[in-house]
């Protein structure tokens, strides 16, 4: 019986959790889908139709029975490497076949997931996140997601230059873009929106950004003080300059975040908030596979251990609810106001 981690060897989060599981004596297997088809094979065997067996056979290593997994971490799954196929029709066909086989495989692995692929996929939809957060009483930024240049211009005019940011829907290993303030040159180039939609939001100036890591019933909230750094718009750019520390969430905010996680059925999530000068907590997004190692460094949180604990014994750590483990910050947990819109 083994813990299955769907990620890749370059993912430091995955390798550290695997090491924590090994220290507990818990067998675990890192399944990198990019080893398919050249360096591994996959078989779904229906000799017993009621109990099909899924086996991956990595080159040079022992087979692993995936359907024996006791828990699965859907961390940063890759894609089968099909770049050896040059014909576009053959590539599309082969990609489709792997997609069907793999998503069929996931349905056969009958154990707790962090997080189940359909839940992860649904929770990753930023358009849905904002609606759910609002209905749960969280404050969210005024937002426009559009491929229409005229709609974008009107949104920028409504808020004014210097008060609007823009960002992409999804970052990947290959493509990453920081959140940016809309500049005059960007307004001139808005016709390029017709190629792909962009997210525009009013810019929320903050006392601190707050990254909240949720693992089962445990929460780990960290304040990131970017005010006065070289880039206040996106803490990921200036995190090395920022002061970081644990922060206590107001009870009403934490309850709403619990409800958000429960709504999407997530056992793990990285939630981004902004704390404003007037004490408002503004919800930006939840990433079902967001990074947490910088929160361990910045706030001393044992998140690797928490993830390993959950994977080693999901029944003990429960489902996608949360119990605060954050320590009080010097940033005051001022009273929150909800229902108004405001970014990040």
Protein backbone atom coordinates (compact mmCIF):
# COMPACT_ATOMS: atom_id res chain seq x y z
CA UNK A 1 0.00 0.00 0.00
CA UNK A 2 1.52 3.32 -1.06
CA UNK A 3 0.90 7.04 -1.24
CA UNK A 4 0.76 8.28 -4.83
CA UNK A 5 2.11 11.73 -5.71
CA UNK A 6 1.30 13.02 -9.19
CA UNK A 7 4.01 15.57 -9.95
CA UNK A 8 7.61 15.58 -11.21
CA UNK A 9 11.13 15.31 -9.81
CA UNK A 10 11.83 19.06 -10.23
CA UNK A 11 8.92 19.94 -7.94
CA UNK A 12 10.59 20.69 -4.61
CA UNK A 13 7.24 20.64 -2.79
CA UNK A 14 6.65 17.07 -3.93
CA UNK A 15 10.16 15.86 -3.14
CA UNK A 16 10.08 17.34 0.37
CA UNK A 17 6.72 15.74 1.15
CA UNK A 18 8.03 12.43 -0.21
CA UNK A 19 11.01 12.73 2.14
CA UNK A 20 8.66 13.43 5.06
CA UNK A 21 6.62 10.34 4.17
CA UNK A 22 9.81 8.27 3.95
CA UNK A 23 10.80 9.44 7.44
CA UNK A 24 7.49 8.04 8.67
CA UNK A 25 8.18 4.73 6.97
CA UNK A 26 5.29 5.30 4.56
CA UNK A 27 5.93 3.99 1.01
CA UNK A 28 5.27 6.61 -1.66
CA UNK A 29 5.60 6.78 -5.42
CA UNK A 30 6.18 9.89 -7.53
CA UNK A 31 4.32 9.36 -10.79
CA UNK A 32 5.56 11.78 -13.45
CA UNK A 33 3.17 11.50 -16.38
CA UNK A 34 5.89 12.93 -18.63
CA UNK A 35 7.66 9.57 -18.38
CA UNK A 36 4.85 8.25 -20.59
CA UNK A 37 5.20 6.84 -23.20
CA UNK A 38 9.00 6.69 -23.64
CA UNK A 39 10.14 5.79 -20.11
CA UNK A 40 7.10 4.04 -18.68
CA UNK A 41 4.02 2.09 -19.70
CA UNK A 42 0.52 1.97 -18.23
CA UNK A 43 -1.90 -0.96 -18.07
CA UNK A 44 -5.50 -1.15 -16.85
CA UNK A 45 -6.28 -4.85 -16.41
CA UNK A 46 -9.90 -6.03 -16.16
CA UNK A 47 -9.23 -9.73 -15.47
CA UNK A 48 -11.55 -9.15 -12.50
CA UNK A 49 -14.02 -6.64 -13.98
CA UNK A 50 -15.27 -5.55 -10.57
CA UNK A 51 -11.74 -4.78 -9.36
CA UNK A 52 -9.62 -3.56 -12.29
CA UNK A 53 -5.91 -3.22 -11.60
CA UNK A 54 -3.91 -0.23 -12.86
CA UNK A 55 -0.14 -0.72 -13.12
CA UNK A 56 2.63 1.62 -14.21
CA UNK A 57 5.93 0.05 -15.26
CA UNK A 58 8.76 2.58 -15.19
CA UNK A 59 11.85 1.65 -17.21
CA UNK A 60 14.47 0.12 -14.95
CA UNK A 61 12.23 0.04 -11.88
CA UNK A 62 9.69 -2.27 -10.30
CA UNK A 63 6.04 -2.03 -11.37
CA UNK A 64 3.72 0.00 -9.15
CA UNK A 65 0.06 -0.94 -8.71
CA UNK A 66 -1.64 2.45 -8.73
CA UNK A 67 -5.01 1.10 -7.66
CA UNK A 68 -3.43 0.03 -4.35
CA UNK A 69 -2.83 3.66 -3.38
CA UNK A 70 -3.99 4.68 0.09
CA UNK A 71 -3.96 8.43 -0.72
CA UNK A 72 -3.17 10.59 -3.75
CA UNK A 73 -1.68 14.08 -3.94
CA UNK A 74 -2.69 15.78 -7.20
CA UNK A 75 0.15 18.25 -7.00
CA UNK A 76 1.59 19.35 -10.38
CA UNK A 77 0.75 16.57 -12.86
CA UNK A 78 2.53 16.83 -16.17
CA UNK A 79 1.48 15.52 -19.59
CA UNK A 80 2.67 12.48 -21.52
CA UNK A 81 5.57 13.52 -23.79
CA UNK A 82 4.32 13.28 -27.34
CA UNK A 83 6.75 15.64 -29.07
CA UNK A 84 8.08 12.78 -31.18
CA UNK A 85 4.81 12.88 -33.17
CA UNK A 86 5.03 15.43 -35.98
CA UNK A 87 1.74 14.79 -37.77
CA UNK A 88 -0.91 17.16 -36.25
CA UNK A 89 -3.78 14.69 -36.73
CA UNK A 90 -1.82 11.83 -35.18
CA UNK A 91 -0.77 14.11 -32.30
CA UNK A 92 -4.36 15.15 -31.59
CA UNK A 93 -5.51 11.53 -31.72
CA UNK A 94 -2.72 10.28 -29.44
CA UNK A 95 -3.26 13.10 -26.96
CA UNK A 96 -6.96 12.24 -26.83
CA UNK A 97 -6.26 8.57 -26.21
CA UNK A 98 -3.89 9.32 -23.34
CA UNK A 99 -6.37 11.79 -21.88
CA UNK A 100 -9.15 9.21 -21.87
CA UNK A 101 -6.96 6.47 -20.42
CA UNK A 102 -5.52 8.66 -17.65
CA UNK A 103 -8.80 10.20 -16.58
CA UNK A 104 -10.28 6.72 -16.56
CA UNK A 105 -7.36 5.65 -14.36
CA UNK A 106 -8.04 8.44 -11.86
CA UNK A 107 -11.61 7.24 -11.45
CA UNK A 108 -10.35 3.76 -10.57
CA UNK A 109 -8.10 4.91 -7.72
CA UNK A 110 -10.58 4.63 -4.87
CA UNK A 111 -8.96 6.44 -1.93
CA UNK A 112 -8.76 10.00 -0.51
CA UNK A 113 -7.34 12.61 -2.89
CA UNK A 114 -5.69 15.94 -2.25
CA UNK A 115 -7.42 17.11 -4.44
CA UNK A 116 -9.64 15.05 -6.74
CA UNK A 117 -9.02 16.16 -10.36
CA UNK A 118 -12.62 17.25 -11.09
CA UNK A 119 -12.74 19.27 -7.86
CA UNK A 120 -9.30 20.74 -8.51
CA UNK A 121 -10.34 21.70 -12.04
CA UNK A 122 -13.59 23.34 -10.94
CA UNK A 123 -11.98 25.20 -8.05
CA UNK A 124 -9.28 26.55 -10.38
CA UNK A 125 -11.83 28.55 -12.41
CA UNK A 126 -11.25 32.15 -11.38
CA UNK A 127 -14.58 33.27 -12.78
CA UNK A 128 -16.38 30.83 -10.48
CA UNK A 129 -14.16 31.53 -7.47
CA UNK A 130 -15.20 35.17 -7.32
CA UNK A 131 -18.91 34.38 -7.51
CA UNK A 132 -18.67 31.73 -4.79
CA UNK A 133 -16.53 33.96 -2.55
CA UNK A 134 -19.01 36.82 -2.89
CA UNK A 135 -21.99 34.59 -2.07
CA UNK A 136 -20.12 33.37 1.02
CA UNK A 137 -19.71 36.95 2.22
CA UNK A 138 -16.11 37.60 1.24
CA UNK A 139 -15.21 40.92 -0.30
CA UNK A 140 -13.80 40.60 -3.84
CA UNK A 141 -12.34 43.18 -6.26
CA UNK A 142 -14.32 44.83 -9.02
CA UNK A 143 -13.36 42.54 -11.89
CA UNK A 144 -13.67 42.33 -15.65
CA UNK A 145 -12.62 39.27 -17.65
CA UNK A 146 -12.77 40.14 -21.32
CA UNK A 147 -11.45 39.78 -24.84
CA UNK A 148 -13.28 42.96 -25.88
CA UNK A 149 -10.96 46.01 -26.11
CA UNK A 150 -13.82 48.49 -25.74
CA UNK A 151 -15.08 46.88 -22.55
CA UNK A 152 -11.56 46.93 -21.17
CA UNK A 153 -11.14 50.63 -22.02
CA UNK A 154 -14.38 51.50 -20.26
CA UNK A 155 -13.29 49.54 -17.18
CA UNK A 156 -9.95 51.40 -17.05
CA UNK A 157 -11.70 54.74 -17.56
CA UNK A 158 -14.14 53.97 -14.73
CA UNK A 159 -11.36 53.31 -12.22
CA UNK A 160 -8.60 55.49 -13.68
CA UNK A 161 -5.02 54.74 -14.65
CA UNK A 162 -3.01 53.63 -11.65
CA UNK A 163 -6.06 51.95 -10.13
CA UNK A 164 -6.39 48.89 -12.39
CA UNK A 165 -4.28 45.76 -12.59
CA UNK A 166 -4.29 43.00 -15.19
CA UNK A 167 -3.26 39.35 -14.91
CA UNK A 168 -3.43 36.04 -16.70
CA UNK A 169 -5.88 33.25 -15.95
CA UNK A 170 -3.36 30.44 -15.49
CA UNK A 171 0.38 30.31 -14.97
CA UNK A 172 2.34 27.26 -16.12
CA UNK A 173 5.94 26.10 -15.86
CA UNK A 174 6.43 27.42 -19.39
CA UNK A 175 4.54 30.72 -19.08
CA UNK A 176 4.45 33.00 -16.02
CA UNK A 177 3.44 36.66 -15.87
CA UNK A 178 3.29 38.89 -12.82
CA UNK A 179 0.26 41.01 -11.99
CA UNK A 180 0.78 44.49 -13.44
CA UNK A 181 -0.77 47.94 -13.21
CA UNK A 182 -2.35 49.12 -16.45
CA UNK A 183 -0.12 51.79 -17.99
CA UNK A 184 -0.88 54.26 -20.84
CA UNK A 185 1.00 52.01 -23.29
CA UNK A 186 -1.22 49.09 -22.27
CA UNK A 187 -4.34 51.08 -23.12
CA UNK A 188 -2.95 51.73 -26.58
CA UNK A 189 -2.36 47.99 -27.06
CA UNK A 190 -5.78 46.81 -25.88
CA UNK A 191 -6.76 45.66 -29.37
CA UNK A 192 -4.48 42.66 -28.76
CA UNK A 193 -7.11 41.42 -26.31
CA UNK A 194 -8.98 39.87 -29.23
CA UNK A 195 -6.34 37.13 -29.28
CA UNK A 196 -7.07 35.98 -25.72
CA UNK A 197 -9.06 37.26 -22.72
CA UNK A 198 -7.37 38.97 -19.78
CA UNK A 199 -8.43 39.57 -16.17
CA UNK A 200 -8.71 43.25 -15.16
CA UNK A 201 -9.32 44.24 -11.54
CA UNK A 202 -9.36 47.39 -9.48
CA UNK A 203 -6.08 47.70 -7.61
CA UNK A 204 -6.42 47.26 -3.85
CA UNK A 205 -3.67 49.00 -1.92
CA UNK A 206 -2.81 46.88 1.07
CA UNK A 207 -1.19 46.89 4.47
CA UNK A 208 -0.19 43.32 3.70
CA UNK A 209 -0.79 40.46 1.34
CA UNK A 210 -1.89 37.32 3.14
CA UNK A 211 -1.22 33.78 1.89
CA UNK A 212 -3.40 31.24 3.71
CA UNK A 213 -2.40 27.60 3.28
CA UNK A 214 -5.19 25.15 4.14
CA UNK A 215 -4.35 21.49 4.74
CA UNK A 216 -7.35 19.45 5.84
CA UNK A 217 -8.60 21.07 9.06
CA UNK A 218 -5.47 23.17 9.56
CA UNK A 219 -4.81 26.70 8.33
CA UNK A 220 -1.48 28.51 8.10
CA UNK A 221 -1.94 32.28 7.42
CA UNK A 222 1.14 34.40 6.67
CA UNK A 223 1.34 38.17 6.22
CA UNK A 224 3.63 39.49 3.48
CA UNK A 225 4.57 43.14 3.91
CA UNK A 226 5.29 44.43 0.42
CA UNK A 227 4.61 48.10 1.13
CA UNK A 228 7.84 49.96 0.45
CA UNK A 229 9.36 47.15 -1.61
CA UNK A 230 10.38 47.60 -5.23
CA UNK A 231 7.15 45.96 -6.44
CA UNK A 232 4.02 46.29 -4.31
CA UNK A 233 1.57 45.04 -6.94
CA UNK A 234 2.51 41.34 -6.81
CA UNK A 235 4.27 39.89 -3.76
CA UNK A 236 5.74 37.06 -5.85
CA UNK A 237 8.09 39.58 -7.49
CA UNK A 238 9.38 41.24 -4.31
CA UNK A 239 8.99 38.46 -1.73
CA UNK A 240 12.74 38.48 -1.04
CA UNK A 241 12.47 42.13 0.09
CA UNK A 242 9.28 41.72 2.11
CA UNK A 243 8.93 41.13 5.82
CA UNK A 244 6.84 38.03 6.49
CA UNK A 245 5.22 36.70 9.66
CA UNK A 246 2.31 34.61 10.91
CA UNK A 247 -1.00 36.47 11.19
CA UNK A 248 -4.27 35.64 12.89
CA UNK A 249 -7.39 35.64 10.72
CA UNK A 250 -10.56 37.22 12.13
CA UNK A 251 -13.02 34.43 13.00
CA UNK A 252 -15.57 35.58 10.43
CA UNK A 253 -12.95 35.51 7.65
CA UNK A 254 -11.73 32.08 8.65
CA UNK A 255 -15.27 30.71 8.73
CA UNK A 256 -15.91 32.01 5.21
CA UNK A 257 -12.65 30.45 3.97
CA UNK A 258 -13.70 27.15 5.54
CA UNK A 259 -16.97 27.36 3.65
CA UNK A 260 -15.10 28.17 0.43
CA UNK A 261 -12.92 25.07 0.78
CA UNK A 262 -15.93 22.93 1.64
CA UNK A 263 -17.90 24.30 -1.31
CA UNK A 264 -15.19 23.19 -3.72
CA UNK A 265 -14.43 19.98 -1.80
CA UNK A 266 -10.74 20.83 -1.43
CA UNK A 267 -8.44 19.15 1.08
CA UNK A 268 -5.63 21.59 0.17
CA UNK A 269 -5.64 25.15 -1.06
CA UNK A 270 -3.46 28.27 -1.16
CA UNK A 271 -5.69 31.32 -0.67
CA UNK A 272 -4.55 34.88 -1.40
CA UNK A 273 -6.08 37.84 0.43
CA UNK A 274 -5.20 41.51 0.80
CA UNK A 275 -5.57 43.37 4.09
CA UNK A 276 -6.37 47.05 3.47
CA UNK A 277 -5.67 50.17 5.52
CA UNK A 278 -9.27 50.26 6.73
CA UNK A 279 -9.16 46.64 7.93
CA UNK A 280 -10.94 44.97 5.04
CA UNK A 281 -9.87 41.46 4.00
CA UNK A 282 -10.17 41.17 0.22
CA UNK A 283 -10.31 37.75 -1.41
CA UNK A 284 -8.23 37.41 -4.58
CA UNK A 285 -8.16 33.69 -5.41
CA UNK A 286 -7.59 30.12 -4.25
CA UNK A 287 -5.01 27.91 -5.94
CA UNK A 288 -5.71 24.19 -5.33
CA UNK A 289 -2.00 23.41 -5.88
CA UNK A 290 -0.41 26.67 -4.75
CA UNK A 291 3.10 26.89 -3.31
CA UNK A 292 3.72 26.72 0.44
CA UNK A 293 7.47 26.32 0.99
CA UNK A 294 8.00 30.09 1.17
CA UNK A 295 5.44 30.15 4.01
CA UNK A 296 7.50 27.59 5.89
CA UNK A 297 10.55 29.82 5.50
CA UNK A 298 8.70 33.08 6.13
CA UNK A 299 6.54 32.05 9.08
CA UNK A 300 8.01 28.83 10.42
CA UNK A 301 4.93 26.80 9.56
CA UNK A 302 5.25 22.97 9.42
CA UNK A 303 3.26 22.67 6.20
CA UNK A 304 5.34 19.88 4.65
CA UNK A 305 4.64 17.85 7.78
CA UNK A 306 0.94 18.73 7.64
CA UNK A 307 0.66 17.55 4.03
CA UNK A 308 2.57 14.37 4.85
CA UNK A 309 0.33 13.82 7.90
CA UNK A 310 -2.78 14.11 5.74
CA UNK A 311 -1.46 11.77 3.06
CA UNK A 312 -0.28 9.24 5.63
CA UNK A 313 -3.66 9.18 7.38
CA UNK A 314 -6.41 11.19 5.65
CA UNK A 315 -9.11 9.82 7.96
CA UNK A 316 -7.41 11.36 11.00
CA UNK A 317 -6.94 14.79 9.46
CA UNK A 318 -10.46 14.93 8.08
CA UNK A 319 -11.86 16.67 5.05
CA UNK A 320 -11.69 20.13 3.55
CA UNK A 321 -12.39 22.21 6.62
CA UNK A 322 -9.91 24.18 8.68
CA UNK A 323 -8.71 24.85 12.19
CA UNK A 324 -6.45 27.87 12.61
CA UNK A 325 -2.83 27.26 13.58
CA UNK A 326 -1.66 30.77 12.75
CA UNK A 327 0.17 32.76 15.42
CA UNK A 328 -0.74 36.35 16.09
CA UNK A 329 0.97 38.94 13.93
CA UNK A 330 1.86 42.51 14.74
CA UNK A 331 -0.56 43.36 11.91
CA UNK A 332 -3.80 43.91 13.76
CA UNK A 333 -6.73 41.67 12.85
CA UNK A 334 -9.06 44.59 12.46
CA UNK A 335 -12.78 44.23 11.99
CA UNK A 336 -13.68 43.15 8.51
CA UNK A 337 -16.32 44.55 6.24
CA UNK A 338 -17.86 42.43 3.55
CA UNK A 339 -20.07 42.91 0.56
CA UNK A 340 -18.07 45.74 -1.00
CA UNK A 341 -15.83 45.04 -3.92
CA UNK A 342 -12.26 45.89 -4.23
CA UNK A 343 -7.99 43.24 -5.92
CA UNK A 344 -4.65 41.92 -6.13
